[in-house]
């Protein structure tokens, strides 16, 4: 499964989504984003 996101700020949302998908039985989850905010 690939999760596409426009901007990753903290990563909390995509991390939770990835964990939920993995609990459903998916072995691999990749996250692709166009940008990431700098702290």
PDB file of N, CA and C in Angstrom:
ATOM      1  N   UNK A   1       0.854  -1.170   0.000  1.00  0.00           N
ATOM      2  CA  UNK A   1       0.000   0.000   0.000  1.00  0.00           C
ATOM      3  C   UNK A   1       0.897   1.229   0.000  1.00  0.00           C
ATOM      4  N   UNK A   2       0.533   2.206  -0.805  1.00  0.00           N
ATOM      5  CA  UNK A   2       1.241   3.484  -0.811  1.00  0.00           C
ATOM      6  C   UNK A   2       0.273   4.569  -0.362  1.00  0.00           C
ATOM      7  N   UNK A   3       0.697   5.351   0.623  1.00  0.00           N
ATOM      8  CA  UNK A   3      -0.073   6.498   1.090  1.00  0.00           C
ATOM      9  C   UNK A   3       0.559   7.735   0.457  1.00  0.00           C
ATOM     10  N   UNK A   4      -0.235   8.494  -0.294  1.00  0.00           N
ATOM     11  CA  UNK A   4       0.226   9.750  -0.883  1.00  0.00           C
ATOM     12  C   UNK A   4      -0.292  10.901  -0.027  1.00  0.00           C
ATOM     13  N   UNK A   5       0.599  11.825   0.327  1.00  0.00           N
ATOM     14  CA  UNK A   5       0.208  12.997   1.109  1.00  0.00           C
ATOM     15  C   UNK A   5       0.854  14.217   0.473  1.00  0.00           C
ATOM     16  N   UNK A   6       0.174  15.351   0.538  1.00  0.00           N
ATOM     17  CA  UNK A   6       0.759  16.548  -0.058  1.00  0.00           C
ATOM     18  C   UNK A   6       1.876  17.108   0.813  1.00  0.00           C
ATOM     19  N   UNK A   7       1.616  17.291   2.114  1.00  0.00           N
ATOM     20  CA  UNK A   7       2.619  17.833   3.028  1.00  0.00           C
ATOM     21  C   UNK A   7       2.587  17.040   4.331  1.00  0.00           C
ATOM     22  N   UNK A   8       3.755  16.601   4.785  1.00  0.00           N
ATOM     23  CA  UNK A   8       3.865  15.931   6.079  1.00  0.00           C
ATOM     24  C   UNK A   8       4.434  16.948   7.059  1.00  0.00           C
ATOM     25  N   UNK A   9       3.697  17.201   8.136  1.00  0.00           N
ATOM     26  CA  UNK A   9       4.155  18.161   9.136  1.00  0.00           C
ATOM     27  C   UNK A   9       4.840  17.427  10.288  1.00  0.00           C
ATOM     28  N   UNK A  10       4.074  16.693  11.080  1.00  0.00           N
ATOM     29  CA  UNK A  10       4.662  15.931  12.185  1.00  0.00           C
ATOM     30  C   UNK A  10       4.779  14.452  11.859  1.00  0.00           C
ATOM     31  N   UNK A  11       4.010  14.002  10.898  1.00  0.00           N
ATOM     32  CA  UNK A  11       4.002  12.586  10.551  1.00  0.00           C
ATOM     33  C   UNK A  11       3.021  11.761  11.356  1.00  0.00           C
ATOM     34  N   UNK A  12       2.357  12.373  12.328  1.00  0.00           N
ATOM     35  CA  UNK A  12       1.451  11.637  13.207  1.00  0.00           C
ATOM     36  C   UNK A  12       0.281  11.014  12.448  1.00  0.00           C
ATOM     37  N   UNK A  13      -0.294  11.741  11.523  1.00  0.00           N
ATOM     38  CA  UNK A  13      -1.457  11.228  10.789  1.00  0.00           C
ATOM     39  C   UNK A  13      -1.077  10.053   9.904  1.00  0.00           C
ATOM     40  N   UNK A  14      -0.014  10.191   9.128  1.00  0.00           N
ATOM     41  CA  UNK A  14       0.379   9.086   8.249  1.00  0.00           C
ATOM     42  C   UNK A  14       0.889   7.898   9.045  1.00  0.00           C
ATOM     43  N   UNK A  15       1.542   8.133  10.177  1.00  0.00           N
ATOM     44  CA  UNK A  15       1.987   7.022  11.024  1.00  0.00           C
ATOM     45  C   UNK A  15       0.798   6.240  11.565  1.00  0.00           C
ATOM     46  N   UNK A  16      -0.206   6.923  12.051  1.00  0.00           N
ATOM     47  CA  UNK A  16      -1.392   6.243  12.577  1.00  0.00           C
ATOM     48  C   UNK A  16      -2.114   5.489  11.470  1.00  0.00           C
ATOM     49  N   UNK A  17      -2.232   6.103  10.306  1.00  0.00           N
ATOM     50  CA  UNK A  17      -2.865   5.434   9.176  1.00  0.00           C
ATOM     51  C   UNK A  17      -2.083   4.184   8.780  1.00  0.00           C
ATOM     52  N   UNK A  18      -0.769   4.282   8.721  1.00  0.00           N
ATOM     53  CA  UNK A  18       0.065   3.130   8.370  1.00  0.00           C
ATOM     54  C   UNK A  18      -0.084   2.009   9.390  1.00  0.00           C
ATOM     55  N   UNK A  19      -0.099   2.343  10.682  1.00  0.00           N
ATOM     56  CA  UNK A  19      -0.279   1.322  11.725  1.00  0.00           C
ATOM     57  C   UNK A  19      -1.644   0.652  11.602  1.00  0.00           C
ATOM     58  N   UNK A  20      -2.666   1.421  11.315  1.00  0.00           N
ATOM     59  CA  UNK A  20      -4.015   0.861  11.156  1.00  0.00           C
ATOM     60  C   UNK A  20      -4.070  -0.089   9.966  1.00  0.00           C
ATOM     61  N   UNK A  21      -3.467   0.304   8.869  1.00  0.00           N
ATOM     62  CA  UNK A  21      -3.447  -0.552   7.680  1.00  0.00           C
ATOM     63  C   UNK A  21      -2.673  -1.837   7.965  1.00  0.00           C
ATOM     64  N   UNK A  22      -1.545  -1.739   8.663  1.00  0.00           N
ATOM     65  CA  UNK A  22      -0.760  -2.931   8.988  1.00  0.00           C
ATOM     66  C   UNK A  22      -1.516  -3.870   9.921  1.00  0.00           C
ATOM     67  N   UNK A  23      -2.269  -3.304  10.859  1.00  0.00           N
ATOM     68  CA  UNK A  23      -3.076  -4.152  11.755  1.00  0.00           C
ATOM     69  C   UNK A  23      -4.144  -4.906  10.978  1.00  0.00           C
ATOM     70  N   UNK A  24      -4.529  -4.383   9.826  1.00  0.00           N
ATOM     71  CA  UNK A  24      -5.522  -5.047   8.977  1.00  0.00           C
ATOM     72  C   UNK A  24      -4.903  -6.173   8.154  1.00  0.00           C
ATOM     73  N   UNK A  25      -3.586  -6.344   8.261  1.00  0.00           N
ATOM     74  CA  UNK A  25      -2.953  -7.467   7.597  1.00  0.00           C
ATOM     75  C   UNK A  25      -2.020  -7.140   6.448  1.00  0.00           C
ATOM     76  N   UNK A  26      -1.867  -5.874   6.130  1.00  0.00           N
ATOM     77  CA  UNK A  26      -0.968  -5.485   5.041  1.00  0.00           C
ATOM     78  C   UNK A  26       0.469  -5.548   5.556  1.00  0.00           C
ATOM     79  N   UNK A  27       1.360  -6.154   4.776  1.00  0.00           N
ATOM     80  CA  UNK A  27       2.750  -6.309   5.213  1.00  0.00           C
ATOM     81  C   UNK A  27       3.573  -5.035   5.077  1.00  0.00           C
ATOM     82  N   UNK A  28       3.374  -4.312   3.988  1.00  0.00           N
ATOM     83  CA  UNK A  28       4.225  -3.148   3.717  1.00  0.00           C
ATOM     84  C   UNK A  28       3.374  -1.925   3.401  1.00  0.00           C
ATOM     85  N   UNK A  29       3.717  -0.818   4.047  1.00  0.00           N
ATOM     86  CA  UNK A  29       3.053   0.460   3.790  1.00  0.00           C
ATOM     87  C   UNK A  29       4.148   1.493   3.539  1.00  0.00           C
ATOM     88  N   UNK A  30       4.096   2.152   2.392  1.00  0.00           N
ATOM     89  CA  UNK A  30       5.036   3.224   2.066  1.00  0.00           C
ATOM     90  C   UNK A  30       4.289   4.548   2.097  1.00  0.00           C
ATOM     91  N   UNK A  31       4.998   5.599   2.518  1.00  0.00           N
ATOM     92  CA  UNK A  31       4.417   6.943   2.529  1.00  0.00           C
ATOM     93  C   UNK A  31       5.226   7.809   1.578  1.00  0.00           C
ATOM     94  N   UNK A  32       4.538   8.432   0.637  1.00  0.00           N
ATOM     95  CA  UNK A  32       5.154   9.355  -0.305  1.00  0.00           C
ATOM     96  C   UNK A  32       4.528  10.721  -0.091  1.00  0.00           C
ATOM     97  N   UNK A  33       5.362  11.752   0.006  1.00  0.00           N
ATOM     98  CA  UNK A  33       4.848  13.106   0.209  1.00  0.00           C
ATOM     99  C   UNK A  33       5.558  14.062  -0.744  1.00  0.00           C
ATOM    100  N   UNK A  34       4.853  15.104  -1.133  1.00  0.00           N
ATOM    101  CA  UNK A  34       5.443  16.123  -1.999  1.00  0.00           C
ATOM    102  C   UNK A  34       6.371  17.050  -1.227  1.00  0.00           C
ATOM    103  N   UNK A  35       6.068  17.271   0.067  1.00  0.00           N
ATOM    104  CA  UNK A  35       6.876  18.179   0.872  1.00  0.00           C
ATOM    105  C   UNK A  35       6.782  17.797   2.339  1.00  0.00           C
ATOM    106  N   UNK A  36       7.766  18.247   3.086  1.00  0.00           N
ATOM    107  CA  UNK A  36       7.766  18.060   4.532  1.00  0.00           C
ATOM    108  C   UNK A  36       8.168  19.388   5.163  1.00  0.00           C
ATOM    109  N   UNK A  37       7.451  19.775   6.208  1.00  0.00           N
ATOM    110  CA  UNK A  37       7.785  21.040   6.857  1.00  0.00           C
ATOM    111  C   UNK A  37       9.069  20.884   7.671  1.00  0.00           C
ATOM    112  N   UNK A  38       9.818  21.964   7.764  1.00  0.00           N
ATOM    113  CA  UNK A  38      11.065  21.979   8.521  1.00  0.00           C
ATOM    114  C   UNK A  38      10.780  22.564   9.891  1.00  0.00           C
ATOM    115  N   UNK A  39      11.304  21.925  10.907  1.00  0.00           N
ATOM    116  CA  UNK A  39      11.080  22.412  12.280  1.00  0.00           C
ATOM    117  C   UNK A  39      12.019  23.535  12.625  1.00  0.00           C
TER     118      UNK A  39
END
